[in-house]
N, C-alpha and C. Protein backbone atom coordinates (compact mmCIF):
# COMPACT_ATOMS: atom_id res chain seq x y z
N MET A 1 4.95 3.66 -30.08
CA MET A 1 4.92 2.51 -29.34
C MET A 1 5.09 1.34 -30.51
N LYS A 2 5.97 0.44 -30.33
CA LYS A 2 6.34 -0.56 -31.21
C LYS A 2 5.33 -1.59 -31.01
N GLY A 3 5.03 -2.43 -32.23
CA GLY A 3 4.20 -3.60 -32.23
C GLY A 3 2.98 -3.44 -33.12
N SER A 4 2.29 -4.42 -33.31
CA SER A 4 0.95 -4.45 -34.08
C SER A 4 -0.15 -3.67 -33.50
N PRO A 5 -0.97 -3.21 -34.17
CA PRO A 5 -2.19 -2.72 -33.41
C PRO A 5 -2.94 -3.59 -32.59
N ALA A 6 -2.93 -4.76 -32.81
CA ALA A 6 -3.51 -5.77 -31.89
C ALA A 6 -2.75 -5.91 -30.51
N PHE A 7 -1.62 -6.07 -30.63
CA PHE A 7 -0.71 -5.94 -29.53
C PHE A 7 -0.86 -4.59 -28.64
N ARG A 8 -0.91 -3.52 -29.29
CA ARG A 8 -1.14 -2.22 -28.55
C ARG A 8 -2.46 -2.23 -27.98
N ALA A 9 -3.43 -2.79 -28.52
CA ALA A 9 -4.86 -2.93 -27.88
C ALA A 9 -4.85 -3.69 -26.70
N LEU A 10 -4.14 -4.84 -26.86
CA LEU A 10 -4.03 -5.70 -25.66
C LEU A 10 -3.33 -4.95 -24.50
N ILE A 11 -2.29 -4.45 -24.80
CA ILE A 11 -1.60 -3.67 -23.74
C ILE A 11 -2.47 -2.51 -23.07
N GLU A 12 -3.18 -1.81 -23.92
CA GLU A 12 -4.12 -0.73 -23.47
C GLU A 12 -5.21 -1.31 -22.57
N GLU A 13 -5.73 -2.36 -23.07
CA GLU A 13 -6.76 -3.08 -22.25
C GLU A 13 -6.29 -3.62 -20.96
N PHE A 14 -5.11 -4.15 -21.03
CA PHE A 14 -4.50 -4.62 -19.77
C PHE A 14 -4.19 -3.50 -18.62
N ALA A 15 -3.76 -2.34 -19.27
CA ALA A 15 -3.35 -1.18 -18.34
C ALA A 15 -4.63 -0.64 -17.81
N ALA A 16 -5.79 -0.57 -18.56
CA ALA A 16 -7.00 -0.08 -18.20
C ALA A 16 -7.74 -0.85 -16.99
N THR A 17 -7.41 -2.15 -17.17
CA THR A 17 -8.26 -3.08 -16.11
C THR A 17 -7.24 -3.41 -14.87
N THR A 18 -6.10 -3.20 -15.01
CA THR A 18 -5.15 -3.52 -13.93
C THR A 18 -5.11 -2.53 -12.83
N PRO A 19 -5.50 -2.74 -11.64
CA PRO A 19 -5.40 -2.06 -10.47
C PRO A 19 -3.93 -1.40 -10.33
N LEU A 20 -3.98 -0.04 -9.98
CA LEU A 20 -2.76 0.69 -9.83
C LEU A 20 -2.06 0.15 -8.55
N ARG A 21 -0.76 -0.24 -8.56
CA ARG A 21 -0.02 -0.73 -7.55
C ARG A 21 1.37 -0.14 -7.79
N GLN A 22 2.42 -0.62 -6.86
CA GLN A 22 3.75 -0.28 -7.14
C GLN A 22 4.30 -0.93 -8.52
N PRO A 23 5.19 -0.39 -9.05
CA PRO A 23 5.76 -0.79 -10.19
C PRO A 23 6.19 -2.29 -9.95
N ILE A 24 6.15 -3.24 -10.95
CA ILE A 24 6.47 -4.61 -10.81
C ILE A 24 8.12 -4.65 -10.33
N GLY A 25 8.39 -5.33 -9.36
CA GLY A 25 9.77 -5.51 -8.87
C GLY A 25 10.13 -4.49 -8.01
N ARG A 26 9.25 -3.50 -7.68
CA ARG A 26 9.63 -2.45 -6.70
C ARG A 26 9.13 -2.74 -5.37
N LYS A 27 9.80 -2.79 -4.33
CA LYS A 27 9.36 -3.30 -3.15
C LYS A 27 9.57 -1.99 -2.13
N SER A 28 8.31 -1.82 -1.53
CA SER A 28 8.22 -0.69 -0.64
C SER A 28 7.79 -1.08 0.69
N ASN A 29 8.65 -0.69 1.77
CA ASN A 29 8.10 -0.80 3.11
C ASN A 29 7.09 0.25 3.43
N LEU A 30 6.45 0.01 4.68
CA LEU A 30 5.36 0.86 4.98
C LEU A 30 5.70 2.46 4.95
N TYR A 31 6.93 2.81 5.42
CA TYR A 31 7.38 4.10 5.54
C TYR A 31 7.65 4.63 4.19
N GLU A 32 8.11 3.96 3.31
CA GLU A 32 8.42 4.41 1.78
C GLU A 32 7.00 4.86 1.12
N VAL A 33 5.94 4.14 1.45
CA VAL A 33 4.67 4.37 0.94
C VAL A 33 4.12 5.62 1.71
N LEU A 34 4.13 5.60 2.94
CA LEU A 34 3.53 6.82 3.72
C LEU A 34 4.31 8.09 3.43
N LYS A 35 5.62 8.14 3.09
CA LYS A 35 6.14 9.45 2.98
C LYS A 35 5.94 10.15 1.71
N ARG A 36 5.22 9.40 0.84
CA ARG A 36 4.77 10.09 -0.37
C ARG A 36 3.47 10.93 -0.24
N PHE A 37 2.90 10.92 0.87
CA PHE A 37 1.60 11.58 1.31
C PHE A 37 1.89 12.62 2.31
N PRO A 38 1.04 13.72 2.23
CA PRO A 38 1.12 14.77 3.31
C PRO A 38 0.88 14.23 4.65
N GLU A 39 1.43 14.78 5.66
CA GLU A 39 1.35 14.37 7.05
C GLU A 39 1.53 12.87 7.29
N LEU A 40 2.48 12.48 6.53
CA LEU A 40 3.12 11.09 6.50
C LEU A 40 1.84 9.94 6.40
N GLY A 41 0.85 10.29 5.50
CA GLY A 41 -0.19 9.29 5.20
C GLY A 41 -1.32 9.31 6.23
N LYS A 42 -1.48 10.30 7.11
CA LYS A 42 -2.56 10.18 8.02
C LYS A 42 -3.85 10.18 7.21
N GLY A 43 -4.73 9.26 7.56
CA GLY A 43 -5.96 9.01 6.72
C GLY A 43 -5.95 8.18 5.60
N VAL A 44 -4.67 7.61 5.26
CA VAL A 44 -4.51 6.75 4.03
C VAL A 44 -4.83 5.37 4.38
N LYS A 45 -5.48 4.59 3.46
CA LYS A 45 -5.62 3.20 3.71
C LYS A 45 -4.41 2.50 2.97
N VAL A 46 -3.80 1.65 3.75
CA VAL A 46 -2.63 0.87 3.24
C VAL A 46 -2.97 -0.66 3.69
N ALA A 47 -2.30 -1.58 2.86
CA ALA A 47 -2.32 -3.01 3.08
C ALA A 47 -1.08 -3.60 2.54
N PRO A 48 -0.76 -4.78 3.29
CA PRO A 48 0.43 -5.61 2.80
C PRO A 48 0.03 -6.16 1.41
N LEU A 49 1.01 -6.18 0.61
CA LEU A 49 0.71 -6.67 -0.88
C LEU A 49 0.19 -8.15 -0.75
N GLN A 50 0.64 -8.95 0.30
CA GLN A 50 0.13 -10.26 0.30
C GLN A 50 -1.34 -10.41 0.63
N TRP A 51 -1.96 -9.43 1.20
CA TRP A 51 -3.37 -9.42 1.36
C TRP A 51 -4.04 -8.98 0.11
N VAL A 52 -3.38 -8.01 -0.65
CA VAL A 52 -4.14 -7.74 -1.96
C VAL A 52 -3.87 -8.98 -2.82
N ASP A 53 -2.71 -9.48 -2.91
CA ASP A 53 -2.58 -10.58 -3.82
C ASP A 53 -3.38 -11.81 -3.53
N LYS A 54 -3.87 -12.00 -2.19
CA LYS A 54 -4.62 -13.14 -1.87
C LYS A 54 -6.32 -12.73 -2.15
N GLY A 55 -6.45 -11.51 -2.63
CA GLY A 55 -7.91 -11.05 -2.84
C GLY A 55 -8.64 -10.65 -1.68
N LEU A 56 -8.00 -10.39 -0.57
CA LEU A 56 -8.66 -10.03 0.66
C LEU A 56 -9.27 -8.60 0.50
N LYS A 57 -10.68 -8.56 0.28
CA LYS A 57 -11.12 -7.27 -0.07
C LYS A 57 -11.55 -6.58 1.41
N ASP A 58 -11.53 -5.29 1.30
CA ASP A 58 -11.87 -4.46 2.47
C ASP A 58 -10.95 -4.88 3.77
N CYS A 59 -9.82 -5.38 3.57
CA CYS A 59 -8.82 -5.45 4.60
C CYS A 59 -7.63 -4.62 4.48
N TYR A 60 -7.63 -3.70 5.44
CA TYR A 60 -6.62 -2.61 5.33
C TYR A 60 -6.26 -2.16 6.69
N TYR A 61 -5.33 -1.29 6.80
CA TYR A 61 -5.11 -0.32 8.01
C TYR A 61 -5.49 1.06 7.55
N LEU A 62 -6.18 1.79 8.29
CA LEU A 62 -6.33 3.24 8.15
C LEU A 62 -5.29 3.87 9.12
N VAL A 63 -4.39 4.51 8.43
CA VAL A 63 -3.23 5.19 9.26
C VAL A 63 -3.72 6.40 9.90
N THR A 64 -3.47 6.39 11.25
CA THR A 64 -3.95 7.44 12.13
C THR A 64 -2.65 8.37 12.44
N ARG A 65 -1.44 7.82 12.49
CA ARG A 65 -0.23 8.71 12.68
C ARG A 65 1.02 7.87 12.35
N ALA A 66 1.96 8.65 12.09
CA ALA A 66 3.23 8.02 11.73
C ALA A 66 4.46 8.86 12.14
N GLU A 67 5.58 8.17 12.50
CA GLU A 67 6.70 8.94 12.78
C GLU A 67 7.86 8.26 12.10
N LEU A 68 8.79 9.06 11.44
CA LEU A 68 9.97 8.60 10.76
C LEU A 68 11.22 8.94 11.84
N LYS A 69 12.17 7.85 11.74
CA LYS A 69 13.37 8.15 12.55
C LYS A 69 14.10 9.13 11.84
N PRO A 70 14.83 10.06 12.50
CA PRO A 70 15.44 11.29 12.05
C PRO A 70 16.48 10.80 10.87
N ARG A 71 17.35 9.93 11.11
CA ARG A 71 18.46 9.60 10.21
C ARG A 71 18.20 8.45 9.38
N ARG A 72 17.03 7.74 9.64
CA ARG A 72 16.77 6.54 8.83
C ARG A 72 15.42 6.63 8.31
N ILE A 73 15.13 7.49 7.18
CA ILE A 73 13.92 7.64 6.78
C ILE A 73 13.14 6.59 6.33
N HIS A 74 13.59 5.35 6.23
CA HIS A 74 12.91 4.27 5.76
C HIS A 74 12.49 3.44 6.98
N HIS A 75 12.49 3.96 8.23
CA HIS A 75 12.27 3.22 9.43
C HIS A 75 11.36 4.26 10.27
N GLY A 76 10.71 3.66 11.30
CA GLY A 76 9.96 4.56 12.24
C GLY A 76 8.82 3.62 12.81
N HIS A 77 7.77 4.49 13.22
CA HIS A 77 6.73 3.83 13.89
C HIS A 77 5.37 4.42 13.16
N ALA A 78 4.39 3.55 13.00
CA ALA A 78 3.02 3.98 12.53
C ALA A 78 1.92 3.28 13.28
N TRP A 79 0.84 4.04 13.45
CA TRP A 79 -0.38 3.50 14.13
C TRP A 79 -1.44 3.59 13.27
N GLY A 80 -2.44 2.80 13.32
CA GLY A 80 -3.65 2.70 12.57
C GLY A 80 -4.80 1.86 13.25
N VAL A 81 -5.90 1.92 12.50
CA VAL A 81 -6.91 1.05 12.92
C VAL A 81 -7.02 -0.10 11.83
N ARG A 82 -7.02 -1.35 12.22
CA ARG A 82 -7.14 -2.47 11.29
C ARG A 82 -8.62 -2.66 10.88
N PHE A 83 -8.78 -2.77 9.65
CA PHE A 83 -10.19 -3.19 9.13
C PHE A 83 -10.03 -4.58 8.64
N TRP A 84 -10.97 -5.37 8.87
CA TRP A 84 -10.94 -6.73 8.24
C TRP A 84 -12.29 -6.97 7.86
N LYS A 85 -12.43 -7.26 6.41
CA LYS A 85 -13.74 -7.35 5.70
C LYS A 85 -14.63 -6.12 6.03
N GLY A 86 -14.06 -4.96 5.99
CA GLY A 86 -14.78 -3.62 6.16
C GLY A 86 -15.24 -3.33 7.54
N ARG A 87 -14.87 -4.01 8.47
CA ARG A 87 -15.14 -3.76 9.91
C ARG A 87 -13.91 -3.44 10.69
N PRO A 88 -13.88 -2.53 11.56
CA PRO A 88 -12.62 -2.23 12.48
C PRO A 88 -12.58 -3.38 13.46
N VAL A 89 -11.35 -4.01 13.58
CA VAL A 89 -11.14 -5.19 14.31
C VAL A 89 -10.60 -4.66 15.77
N GLU A 90 -9.88 -3.67 15.81
CA GLU A 90 -9.36 -3.17 17.09
C GLU A 90 -9.25 -1.70 17.03
N LYS A 91 -9.02 -1.06 18.29
CA LYS A 91 -8.84 0.36 18.24
C LYS A 91 -7.40 0.66 17.70
N GLU A 92 -6.95 1.82 17.62
CA GLU A 92 -5.61 2.25 17.27
C GLU A 92 -4.60 1.48 17.86
N THR A 93 -3.83 0.89 16.96
CA THR A 93 -2.59 -0.01 17.50
C THR A 93 -1.51 0.26 16.61
N GLN A 94 -0.26 -0.14 17.06
CA GLN A 94 0.85 -0.02 16.18
C GLN A 94 0.80 -0.94 15.10
N ILE A 95 1.27 -0.50 13.91
CA ILE A 95 1.01 -1.46 12.74
C ILE A 95 2.36 -2.35 12.66
N LYS A 96 2.07 -3.58 12.69
CA LYS A 96 3.14 -4.71 12.69
C LYS A 96 3.44 -5.03 11.20
N GLY A 97 4.56 -5.57 11.07
CA GLY A 97 5.07 -5.89 9.64
C GLY A 97 5.43 -4.71 8.86
N ASP A 98 5.70 -3.65 9.41
CA ASP A 98 6.00 -2.45 8.58
C ASP A 98 7.33 -2.50 7.85
N LEU A 99 8.30 -3.22 8.21
CA LEU A 99 9.55 -3.34 7.46
C LEU A 99 9.49 -4.77 6.71
N ARG A 100 8.84 -5.68 7.32
CA ARG A 100 8.97 -7.08 6.80
C ARG A 100 8.13 -7.26 5.49
N TRP A 101 7.04 -6.54 5.36
CA TRP A 101 6.12 -6.86 4.26
C TRP A 101 6.35 -5.64 3.29
N ASN A 102 5.86 -5.88 1.99
CA ASN A 102 5.78 -4.85 1.00
C ASN A 102 4.34 -4.41 1.20
N TRP A 103 4.17 -2.92 0.98
CA TRP A 103 2.91 -2.37 1.31
C TRP A 103 2.50 -1.52 -0.06
N THR A 104 1.18 -1.36 -0.03
CA THR A 104 0.61 -0.54 -1.13
C THR A 104 -0.61 0.26 -0.48
N THR A 105 -1.07 1.24 -1.16
CA THR A 105 -2.36 1.90 -0.82
C THR A 105 -3.54 1.10 -1.40
N VAL A 106 -4.63 1.33 -0.83
CA VAL A 106 -5.86 0.55 -1.41
C VAL A 106 -7.07 1.62 -1.47
């Protein structure tokens, strides 16, 4: 790695304290995130990046099931339970904003 030892230490500290997310500039819809997991993310906690960026803690969807369209693997339907501030808000419902927002795991 190039640079001074102080710069390297700064980069290592930043990497250690920064939460893992999608690489900067990489935008992923819900299905691009879910297809990385077995059973299309069943049991995975996901949240729109805008919730994470606003600092909304314990706000996420717990994915219960998902289906991808056969010829359009970046599209489909996903269902889950929405948690807001750590409490379930509603029963299983179809996840909205699946293609509109950028998503990440929490």
